[in-house]
Every structure is written in C-alpha cells, then in structure tokens.
Amino acid sequence: MNIKPLLRHAGFAWASAIDLLLDSILATIWFVTIVTLMATGIGTLPVFGVGVLLLVLAGGLTRLSGWVERHRAMALYQVQITPLVRRRTKSTGAFRWVAQTFVDLIDPVTWRTILHHLLSMILGSVMVGLWSLLGGIVLRQWGTGLGWLALLIGLPVLVAYIYFAGILDRRLSIELLGRGTTAQLLEKVDTLSDARQGAVDAASLERQRIERNLHDGVQPQLVSVALTLGMAKSKFASDPDAAFALLEQAHTETKSSITELRQLARGIHPAVLTDRGLDAALSAVASRCSVPTTITVDVPGPAAAEAEAVIYFAVSEALTNVAKHSGASECTVTVVSSGSGDGCRLVATVRDNGTGGAHIGEGLGQGGLAGMRERVRAAGGTLLIESPTGGPTHITVEVPCAS
C-alpha cells in the first residue's frame, strides 16, 4: 500500500491548521490595525500632518504585513508566490513621499492585501471557533453518549474544514498577495501582444529607413551616373578628353553608390556580426564613432542571432546619438550576459558624460530611439533610458539570449 499520498495530505492538514491558527491572530491584528490607521488618517486629513502621518504608517504596515504573509504562505504551503508590483508616483521634489502615500491609498496592491487579511481572519476565526466548540462539548460531556457523539461527528468536520479551508487560504495567498495564475497568463498575453506590435512597428520603421535611404541617397547618385554616362556618350566623337573625364566622374559616382548600398545592407544585417561575432562588430561601430568609445563584451558564448542583432543595432543607434547630440568627451559600452538556460539575457549598457536630455519621441516616424525601442520590444526585451538634463546618460538594453 502506498502511504505517501496519505502522508502528503496529513502534512498539508497540519500546515493548514498552523496557518489558520496564525491567521486568527496575525490577520486580525493586521486587519484591525491597518483599517483603524486608514480610517483615522482619512478622518484627520484636515489636520494635515496627523492625517498624512497615519496614512503613511498604514501604507507601511500594509506592505510589511503583505511581505510577512506572503513568505509565511510560501514556507507553510511550499508554493512560489510572485510579489505584486507597487505603483510609483511620478511626482518629484520634497513632497514626493506625500504623493506616494495617496498613490498607495488607491493602489490595488494595498486593497488586495487588506482583503487577504480580512478573509484569512474569517477562515482562522471559524477554525478556532469550531475547535473551541468541539473541545467545550467533549470536555463537559466526557464519558457520556453526547460526548462521544460530539467527538465522532465534530472531529471529522473539524479536520475536513481545516483541510479545505487550507486549500482556500493557499489560493487566496497566491491570488491576492501575488500575481496569481490568471494574472500571470494575462501578463504573458500582454507581453506577447506587445512584442508582436513591436515587431510590426520595427518592421515599419525599417521599411521607412530603407525607403528614405534609397530615395535620398542611392537613387539620386544612380540618376547622376546615368546622366554623366549619357553626356560622355555624346562627346565621344567630338571631344574624347571630355568624354574620358566624364567617365572618370561616373566611375567615382558608381563607387560612391556601391559604398552607400553597402552601408544600407549593413543596416539590414551587418556581415561582420555573422563573420566575427558581437565583440568585433561593436568594436567596428565604436571605431566609426567620433566620440572616444570603450567597448567591453563579456559574453561566454554566442547567443541567438536575433538577440545579438538587437544589441548591435541598439548600441549603434545609441552611439549615433552620442556623436550627434550628447556633446560627450567619452563613452563606454558594456555587454554582459546574466542568468542561464531559458532565463539567460544579454544586457548592454551605454554610458556617456554628455549633456543628457535624451528621450523617445512619439510616433513611428520618429526613428532613432523610437526605432530602438520597437526593435527591442519586438525581441521581448526592455529599454531603459536615464538621461537627466545636464547628464550623464545611461541607456540599458536587455533582451533574452534565445529571443
């Protein structure tokens, strides 16, 4: 007979009993204290300092209690609970903490935590009530038929309640104190939709770039070559020297067009990236930058071609911005890999000591940093730009190694 399932269920029942007992104490303390602080704080808001201080205490206690309850549930129920993300205020200045207090007050994370405490308090209190009722009857009627009847009926009811209330309590902890299964699936759908839209936007930007480069660069040069060759053809008989000079000019313009086409092809996918790897490709980009740039690549092995291409183009665009707009005297580029397996990510950081103020314009036609954002987003990565006025500028690009 396999007794492992019985032992597993028995262990869960004991964990549930301990958790529900703690719920009857801790959850009651958390809930009553937080609600009292909030109600008193809101009621005394006209007395600005007192009301805000109480709300700050309520917010801090809510976050602390959420952390304690989440880790307690993970320890007792042996589950992984992904913490919720706290909303942050966009306000700056001396009263930023006041603005954050009111953001916390309307943050769903706060109210989900309070709801968890309320429901846990009810579940725990019911268990304690059943236990007290059963214990009182059995002790008073011990040795009588009523006492045995209460024990035979009440004990299975209590055990069943503890078991199923534990299942409910575990689910409440997962769903209310963390990003539950449904929330994580929705988040994954949003991420995939975002990546798909990023791919569409990146493709549109790339098409516009190619069209613009062909229209403004190669096409006029080829038209000029055709006109020059036509003039040379008309002068062959009457003025061979002039015709020869025109042929030389056409030859020079043709080489210029070839160079332009090579640069255009490099913008689609650089050959050096495939032939010599990310380190050599980024070194080539840095050598063309007018600002002295130091490249450090610490990646143990080759990543997916798409991931390396995203890093290459992101660094290229960042260095173009450094050269054109930053006024920097030096720049450093660092590329490292973090994590392993499916969690491996390439992280590129571009830092310059320029004047700052870099930002992403709105709309697809912006190109530049907007194009970088869409390309990174399409690969399932993230782009972070920190560029306060006066500098320095830090640009961090992170993409999955196997994107």
Protein backbone atom coordinates (compact mmCIF):
# COMPACT_ATOMS: atom_id res chain seq x y z
CA MET A 1 0.00 0.00 0.00
CA ASN A 2 1.34 3.39 -0.99
CA ILE A 3 1.05 5.67 2.05
CA LYS A 4 2.87 8.66 0.51
CA PRO A 5 -0.39 10.38 -0.60
CA LEU A 6 -1.81 9.93 2.92
CA LEU A 7 1.32 11.41 4.47
CA ARG A 8 1.23 14.28 1.99
CA HIS A 9 -2.41 15.07 2.81
CA ALA A 10 -1.72 14.74 6.53
CA GLY A 11 1.23 17.12 6.23
CA PHE A 12 -0.92 19.62 4.34
CA ALA A 13 -3.63 19.38 7.02
CA TRP A 14 -1.11 20.13 9.76
CA ALA A 15 0.31 23.06 7.76
CA SER A 16 -3.25 24.33 7.24
CA ALA A 17 -4.03 24.06 10.94
CA ILE A 18 -0.91 26.02 11.87
CA ASP A 19 -1.57 28.65 9.21
CA LEU A 20 -5.23 29.08 10.14
CA LEU A 21 -4.32 29.38 13.82
CA LEU A 22 -1.79 32.10 12.97
CA ASP A 23 -4.40 33.72 10.71
CA SER A 24 -6.81 34.01 13.62
CA ILE A 25 -4.18 36.03 15.48
CA LEU A 26 -1.96 37.83 12.95
CA ALA A 27 -4.59 38.53 10.29
CA THR A 28 -6.85 40.02 12.95
CA ILE A 29 -4.04 42.27 14.19
CA TRP A 30 -3.07 43.30 10.64
CA PHE A 31 -6.64 44.00 9.52
CA VAL A 32 -7.82 45.89 12.60
CA THR A 33 -4.65 47.98 12.88
CA ILE A 34 -4.45 48.91 9.18
CA VAL A 35 -8.15 49.76 8.87
CA THR A 36 -8.03 51.80 12.08
CA LEU A 37 -4.99 53.76 10.90
CA MET A 38 -6.57 54.39 7.49
CA ALA A 39 -9.93 55.46 8.87
CA THR A 40 -8.33 57.73 11.46
CA GLY A 41 -5.88 59.11 8.90
CA ILE A 42 -8.62 59.95 6.39
CA GLY A 43 -10.75 61.45 9.15
CA THR A 44 -7.91 63.68 10.35
CA LEU A 45 -6.70 64.81 6.91
CA PRO A 46 -7.80 68.39 7.68
CA VAL A 47 -5.10 68.25 10.35
CA PHE A 48 -2.59 67.75 7.56
CA GLY A 49 0.40 66.41 9.46
CA VAL A 50 -1.51 63.95 11.63
CA GLY A 51 -3.68 62.51 8.86
CA VAL A 52 -0.86 62.05 6.37
CA LEU A 53 1.40 60.52 9.02
CA LEU A 54 -1.25 57.95 9.92
CA LEU A 55 -1.76 57.09 6.24
CA VAL A 56 1.99 56.68 5.81
CA LEU A 57 2.02 54.28 8.77
CA ALA A 58 -0.96 52.39 7.33
CA GLY A 59 0.76 52.05 3.95
CA GLY A 60 4.00 50.87 5.52
CA LEU A 61 2.19 48.34 7.72
CA THR A 62 0.23 47.07 4.71
CA ARG A 63 3.41 46.41 2.74
CA LEU A 64 5.11 44.82 5.76
CA SER A 65 2.14 42.58 6.51
CA GLY A 66 1.86 41.56 2.86
CA TRP A 67 5.53 40.58 2.85
CA VAL A 68 5.19 38.60 6.09
CA GLU A 69 2.02 36.79 4.99
CA ARG A 70 3.42 36.01 1.54
CA HIS A 71 6.58 34.45 2.96
CA ARG A 72 4.61 32.60 5.65
CA ALA A 73 2.35 31.07 3.00
CA MET A 74 5.34 30.10 0.86
CA ALA A 75 7.03 28.43 3.86
CA LEU A 76 3.97 26.52 5.13
CA TYR A 77 2.37 25.57 1.81
CA GLN A 78 5.61 25.13 -0.19
CA VAL A 79 4.41 27.35 -3.05
CA GLN A 80 6.05 30.14 -5.02
CA ILE A 81 4.23 33.49 -4.89
CA THR A 82 5.39 36.21 -7.26
CA PRO A 83 5.14 39.57 -5.44
CA LEU A 84 2.91 42.31 -6.77
CA VAL A 85 4.45 45.47 -8.21
CA ARG A 86 3.80 48.62 -6.22
CA ARG A 87 2.71 51.70 -8.14
CA ARG A 88 5.13 54.61 -8.01
CA THR A 89 4.29 58.29 -8.08
CA LYS A 90 5.58 60.43 -10.93
CA SER A 91 5.90 63.42 -8.62
CA THR A 92 9.30 64.77 -7.68
CA GLY A 93 10.53 67.16 -5.05
CA ALA A 94 10.31 67.48 -1.30
CA PHE A 95 6.71 66.25 -1.04
CA ARG A 96 7.17 63.19 -3.21
CA TRP A 97 6.51 60.94 -0.20
CA VAL A 98 3.14 62.64 0.34
CA ALA A 99 2.14 61.95 -3.26
CA GLN A 100 3.33 58.35 -2.87
CA THR A 101 1.12 57.99 0.20
CA PHE A 102 -2.01 58.84 -1.79
CA VAL A 103 -0.88 56.61 -4.68
CA ASP A 104 -0.58 53.75 -2.17
CA LEU A 105 -4.05 54.54 -0.86
CA ILE A 106 -5.66 53.84 -4.27
CA ASP A 107 -3.21 51.14 -5.34
CA PRO A 108 -4.96 47.76 -5.90
CA VAL A 109 -2.00 46.09 -4.18
CA THR A 110 -2.99 47.78 -0.91
CA TRP A 111 -6.62 46.72 -1.06
CA ARG A 112 -5.82 43.18 -2.19
CA THR A 113 -3.57 42.83 0.86
CA ILE A 114 -6.29 44.16 3.18
CA LEU A 115 -8.86 41.82 1.59
CA HIS A 116 -6.49 38.90 2.15
CA HIS A 117 -6.19 39.79 5.84
CA LEU A 118 -9.99 40.04 6.20
CA LEU A 119 -10.68 36.66 4.56
CA SER A 120 -7.80 34.97 6.39
CA MET A 121 -9.09 36.37 9.67
CA ILE A 122 -12.53 34.87 8.97
CA LEU A 123 -11.11 31.46 7.99
CA GLY A 124 -8.86 31.32 11.03
CA SER A 125 -11.54 32.53 13.43
CA VAL A 126 -14.01 29.91 12.19
CA MET A 127 -11.44 27.15 12.81
CA VAL A 128 -10.74 28.43 16.32
CA GLY A 129 -14.49 28.67 16.97
CA LEU A 130 -15.12 25.10 15.80
CA TRP A 131 -12.20 23.83 17.85
CA SER A 132 -13.42 25.68 20.96
CA LEU A 133 -17.00 24.46 20.49
CA LEU A 134 -15.95 20.85 19.99
CA GLY A 135 -13.48 20.96 22.87
CA GLY A 136 -16.02 22.51 25.22
CA ILE A 137 -18.69 19.89 24.49
CA VAL A 138 -16.31 16.94 24.70
CA LEU A 139 -14.72 18.10 27.96
CA ARG A 140 -18.05 18.81 29.63
CA GLN A 141 -19.73 15.64 28.41
CA TRP A 142 -16.71 13.36 28.59
CA GLY A 143 -17.69 9.75 29.17
CA THR A 144 -21.30 10.32 28.16
CA GLY A 145 -23.05 9.39 24.96
CA LEU A 146 -23.30 13.05 23.97
CA GLY A 147 -19.55 13.49 24.43
CA TRP A 148 -18.73 10.51 22.22
CA LEU A 149 -21.28 11.61 19.63
CA ALA A 150 -19.78 15.11 19.54
CA LEU A 151 -16.30 13.64 19.15
CA LEU A 152 -17.31 11.21 16.38
CA ILE A 153 -19.17 13.87 14.40
CA GLY A 154 -17.28 17.03 15.29
CA LEU A 155 -13.71 15.80 14.80
CA PRO A 156 -14.17 14.75 11.13
CA VAL A 157 -16.00 18.02 10.48
CA LEU A 158 -13.13 19.99 12.04
CA VAL A 159 -10.47 18.05 10.10
CA ALA A 160 -12.40 18.48 6.85
CA TYR A 161 -12.79 22.20 7.49
CA ILE A 162 -9.07 22.59 8.25
CA TYR A 163 -8.14 20.75 5.04
CA PHE A 164 -10.47 22.58 2.67
CA ALA A 165 -10.02 25.95 4.39
CA GLY A 166 -6.27 25.43 3.95
CA ILE A 167 -6.77 24.90 0.22
CA LEU A 168 -8.81 28.11 0.06
CA ASP A 169 -6.30 30.00 2.20
CA ARG A 170 -3.42 28.90 -0.03
CA ARG A 171 -5.28 30.03 -3.14
CA LEU A 172 -6.14 33.37 -1.51
CA SER A 173 -2.47 33.92 -0.68
CA ILE A 174 -1.40 33.16 -4.25
CA GLU A 175 -4.09 35.27 -5.92
CA LEU A 176 -4.27 38.24 -3.52
CA LEU A 177 -0.67 38.58 -2.29
CA GLY A 178 0.96 37.81 -5.62
CA ARG A 179 0.43 37.60 -9.31
CA GLY A 180 -1.77 34.52 -9.49
CA THR A 181 -2.02 32.08 -12.37
CA THR A 182 -4.68 34.08 -14.18
CA ALA A 183 -2.80 37.36 -13.76
CA GLN A 184 0.44 35.79 -14.96
CA LEU A 185 -1.27 34.32 -18.03
CA LEU A 186 -2.84 37.69 -18.82
CA GLU A 187 0.53 39.36 -18.31
CA LYS A 188 2.14 36.87 -20.68
CA VAL A 189 -0.56 37.54 -23.27
CA ASP A 190 0.03 41.28 -22.90
CA THR A 191 3.79 40.76 -23.25
CA LEU A 192 3.38 38.67 -26.40
CA SER A 193 0.92 41.18 -27.86
CA ASP A 194 3.34 43.97 -27.03
CA ALA A 195 6.19 42.08 -28.68
CA ARG A 196 4.08 41.42 -31.78
CA GLN A 197 3.15 45.09 -32.04
CA GLY A 198 6.79 45.97 -31.51
CA ALA A 199 7.78 43.69 -34.38
CA VAL A 200 5.21 45.34 -36.65
CA ASP A 201 6.36 48.83 -35.65
CA ALA A 202 10.03 47.89 -36.00
CA ALA A 203 9.40 46.48 -39.48
CA SER A 204 7.56 49.66 -40.46
CA LEU A 205 10.41 51.83 -39.18
CA GLU A 206 12.97 49.68 -41.00
CA ARG A 207 10.99 49.89 -44.24
CA GLN A 208 10.76 53.68 -43.90
CA ARG A 209 14.51 53.87 -43.25
CA ILE A 210 15.34 51.80 -46.33
CA GLU A 211 12.93 53.80 -48.49
CA ARG A 212 14.40 57.07 -47.22
CA ASN A 213 18.00 55.96 -47.77
CA LEU A 214 17.26 54.69 -51.27
CA HIS A 215 15.28 57.78 -52.21
CA ASP A 216 17.67 60.33 -50.73
CA GLY A 217 20.97 58.54 -51.26
CA VAL A 218 21.43 55.79 -53.82
CA GLN A 219 18.69 56.81 -56.27
CA PRO A 220 19.98 60.37 -56.93
CA GLN A 221 23.52 59.02 -57.28
CA LEU A 222 22.45 56.43 -59.86
CA VAL A 223 20.49 59.09 -61.75
CA SER A 224 23.61 61.24 -61.75
CA VAL A 225 25.69 58.30 -63.06
CA ALA A 226 23.19 57.75 -65.89
CA LEU A 227 23.26 61.46 -66.85
CA THR A 228 27.07 61.54 -66.71
CA LEU A 229 27.35 58.46 -68.92
CA GLY A 230 24.86 59.99 -71.36
CA MET A 231 26.94 63.17 -71.62
CA ALA A 232 30.12 61.11 -72.06
CA LYS A 233 28.47 59.13 -74.86
CA SER A 234 27.52 62.32 -76.70
CA LYS A 235 31.12 63.64 -76.51
CA PHE A 236 33.00 60.53 -77.65
CA ALA A 237 33.24 61.70 -81.25
CA SER A 238 33.69 65.45 -80.78
CA ASP A 239 35.73 65.67 -77.53
CA PRO A 240 37.31 62.38 -76.36
CA ASP A 241 39.18 64.06 -73.46
CA ALA A 242 35.96 65.49 -72.03
CA ALA A 243 34.25 62.13 -72.52
CA PHE A 244 37.08 60.41 -70.62
CA ALA A 245 36.77 62.92 -67.76
CA LEU A 246 33.02 62.27 -67.60
CA LEU A 247 33.68 58.51 -67.49
CA GLU A 248 36.05 59.06 -64.56
CA GLN A 249 33.36 61.06 -62.82
CA ALA A 250 30.78 58.31 -63.48
CA HIS A 251 33.21 55.73 -62.13
CA THR A 252 33.67 57.73 -58.91
CA GLU A 253 29.92 58.18 -58.51
CA THR A 254 29.37 54.45 -59.08
CA LYS A 255 31.85 53.56 -56.31
CA SER A 256 30.10 56.04 -54.04
CA SER A 257 26.77 54.35 -54.81
CA ILE A 258 28.27 50.94 -54.03
CA THR A 259 29.52 52.27 -50.69
CA GLU A 260 26.05 53.67 -49.97
CA LEU A 261 24.46 50.31 -50.77
CA ARG A 262 26.93 48.51 -48.50
CA GLN A 263 26.05 50.85 -45.66
CA LEU A 264 22.38 50.23 -46.35
CA ALA A 265 22.96 46.46 -46.29
CA ARG A 266 24.88 46.82 -43.04
CA GLY A 267 21.78 48.47 -41.59
CA ILE A 268 19.73 45.38 -42.51
CA HIS A 269 22.21 42.87 -41.08
CA PRO A 270 25.94 43.53 -40.65
CA ALA A 271 28.17 40.88 -42.22
CA VAL A 272 30.83 41.39 -39.55
CA LEU A 273 28.33 40.28 -36.88
CA THR A 274 27.87 36.93 -38.59
CA ASP A 275 31.52 36.50 -39.58
CA ARG A 276 33.37 37.69 -36.47
CA GLY A 277 30.84 37.94 -33.64
CA LEU A 278 29.37 40.62 -31.42
CA ASP A 279 32.63 41.91 -29.92
CA ALA A 280 34.23 42.60 -33.31
CA ALA A 281 31.01 44.08 -34.71
CA LEU A 282 30.65 46.53 -31.82
CA SER A 283 34.34 47.42 -31.99
CA ALA A 284 33.83 48.32 -35.65
CA VAL A 285 30.88 50.54 -34.71
CA ALA A 286 32.91 52.23 -31.96
CA SER A 287 35.78 52.92 -34.36
CA ARG A 288 33.40 54.93 -36.57
CA CYS A 289 32.07 56.99 -33.64
CA SER A 290 33.56 60.49 -33.33
CA VAL A 291 33.43 60.24 -29.50
CA PRO A 292 36.18 58.05 -27.97
CA THR A 293 34.40 54.84 -27.00
CA THR A 294 35.49 51.88 -24.90
CA ILE A 295 33.88 48.52 -25.68
CA THR A 296 33.72 45.66 -23.15
CA VAL A 297 31.95 42.44 -24.15
CA ASP A 298 31.79 39.66 -21.55
CA VAL A 299 29.53 37.02 -23.08
CA PRO A 300 30.70 33.40 -22.56
CA GLY A 301 29.30 32.02 -25.79
CA PRO A 302 27.34 33.07 -28.86
CA ALA A 303 23.71 33.99 -28.23
CA ALA A 304 20.84 33.76 -30.69
CA ALA A 305 21.48 35.70 -33.89
CA GLU A 306 18.38 37.86 -33.32
CA ALA A 307 19.47 38.78 -29.79
CA GLU A 308 22.96 39.77 -30.96
CA ALA A 309 21.48 41.77 -33.84
CA VAL A 310 19.18 43.68 -31.47
CA ILE A 311 22.12 44.52 -29.19
CA TYR A 312 24.23 45.55 -32.19
CA PHE A 313 21.64 47.91 -33.65
CA ALA A 314 20.74 49.33 -30.22
CA VAL A 315 24.38 50.13 -29.46
CA SER A 316 24.85 51.54 -32.98
CA GLU A 317 21.88 53.87 -32.58
CA ALA A 318 22.99 54.88 -29.09
CA LEU A 319 26.50 55.76 -30.34
CA THR A 320 25.00 57.71 -33.24
CA ASN A 321 23.03 59.77 -30.71
CA VAL A 322 26.15 60.22 -28.59
CA ALA A 323 28.07 61.57 -31.58
CA LYS A 324 25.27 63.85 -32.82
CA HIS A 325 23.59 65.20 -29.71
CA SER A 326 25.38 64.47 -26.43
CA GLY A 327 28.43 66.75 -26.52
CA ALA A 328 30.24 63.98 -24.63
CA SER A 329 34.01 63.58 -24.46
CA GLU A 330 33.95 59.86 -23.72
CA CYS A 331 31.61 56.89 -23.85
CA THR A 332 31.68 53.33 -22.54
CA VAL A 333 29.74 50.32 -23.82
CA THR A 334 29.40 47.17 -21.73
CA VAL A 335 27.70 43.96 -22.88
CA VAL A 336 27.27 41.07 -20.44
CA SER A 337 25.06 38.02 -20.10
CA SER A 338 23.05 37.24 -16.98
CA GLY A 339 21.21 34.12 -15.92
CA SER A 340 21.36 30.75 -17.62
CA GLY A 341 19.19 28.46 -19.70
CA ASP A 342 15.80 29.90 -20.61
CA GLY A 343 16.43 32.81 -18.21
CA CYS A 344 19.62 33.94 -19.94
CA ARG A 345 19.60 37.59 -21.06
CA LEU A 346 22.00 39.88 -22.90
CA VAL A 347 22.40 43.25 -21.19
CA ALA A 348 24.04 46.18 -22.97
CA THR A 349 24.77 49.47 -21.20
CA VAL A 350 25.87 52.64 -22.99
CA ARG A 351 27.13 55.48 -20.78
CA ASP A 352 28.35 58.92 -21.82
CA ASN A 353 29.34 62.07 -19.93
CA GLY A 354 27.37 64.40 -22.18
CA THR A 355 24.66 66.96 -21.50
CA GLY A 356 21.77 64.48 -21.17
CA GLY A 357 18.20 65.18 -22.18
CA ALA A 358 17.80 62.08 -24.38
CA HIS A 359 14.20 60.97 -24.72
CA ILE A 360 11.99 58.93 -27.01
CA GLY A 361 9.74 60.89 -29.35
CA GLU A 362 6.19 59.80 -30.00
CA GLY A 363 5.04 58.18 -33.22
CA LEU A 364 6.54 55.76 -35.69
CA GLY A 365 8.11 58.44 -37.82
CA GLN A 366 10.49 59.48 -35.07
CA GLY A 367 13.14 56.81 -35.79
CA GLY A 368 16.24 56.96 -33.61
CA LEU A 369 15.48 55.95 -30.04
CA ALA A 370 11.88 55.16 -31.01
CA GLY A 371 13.16 52.67 -33.56
CA MET A 372 15.49 51.20 -30.95
CA ARG A 373 12.57 50.79 -28.55
CA GLU A 374 10.42 48.99 -31.13
CA ARG A 375 13.26 46.68 -32.18
CA VAL A 376 13.99 45.78 -28.54
CA ARG A 377 10.31 45.34 -27.75
CA ALA A 378 9.86 43.03 -30.74
CA ALA A 379 12.59 40.78 -29.33
CA GLY A 380 10.82 40.58 -25.96
CA GLY A 381 13.35 42.87 -24.29
CA THR A 382 13.34 46.11 -22.33
CA LEU A 383 14.87 49.54 -22.90
CA LEU A 384 15.69 51.91 -20.04
CA ILE A 385 16.91 55.47 -20.66
CA GLU A 386 18.21 57.60 -17.79
CA SER A 387 19.22 60.98 -19.14
CA PRO A 388 18.59 63.90 -16.78
CA THR A 389 19.25 67.41 -18.05
CA GLY A 390 22.94 68.08 -17.60
CA GLY A 391 23.82 64.41 -17.95
CA PRO A 392 25.13 61.83 -17.79
CA THR A 393 23.13 59.47 -19.99
CA HIS A 394 22.73 55.76 -19.27
CA ILE A 395 20.96 53.55 -21.81
CA THR A 396 20.34 49.92 -20.82
CA VAL A 397 19.06 47.32 -23.28
CA GLU A 398 18.10 43.84 -22.10
CA VAL A 399 16.96 41.03 -24.40
CA PRO A 400 16.55 37.25 -23.99
CA CYS A 401 19.62 35.34 -25.22
CA ALA A 402 17.37 32.97 -27.12
CA SER A 403 14.95 35.59 -28.48
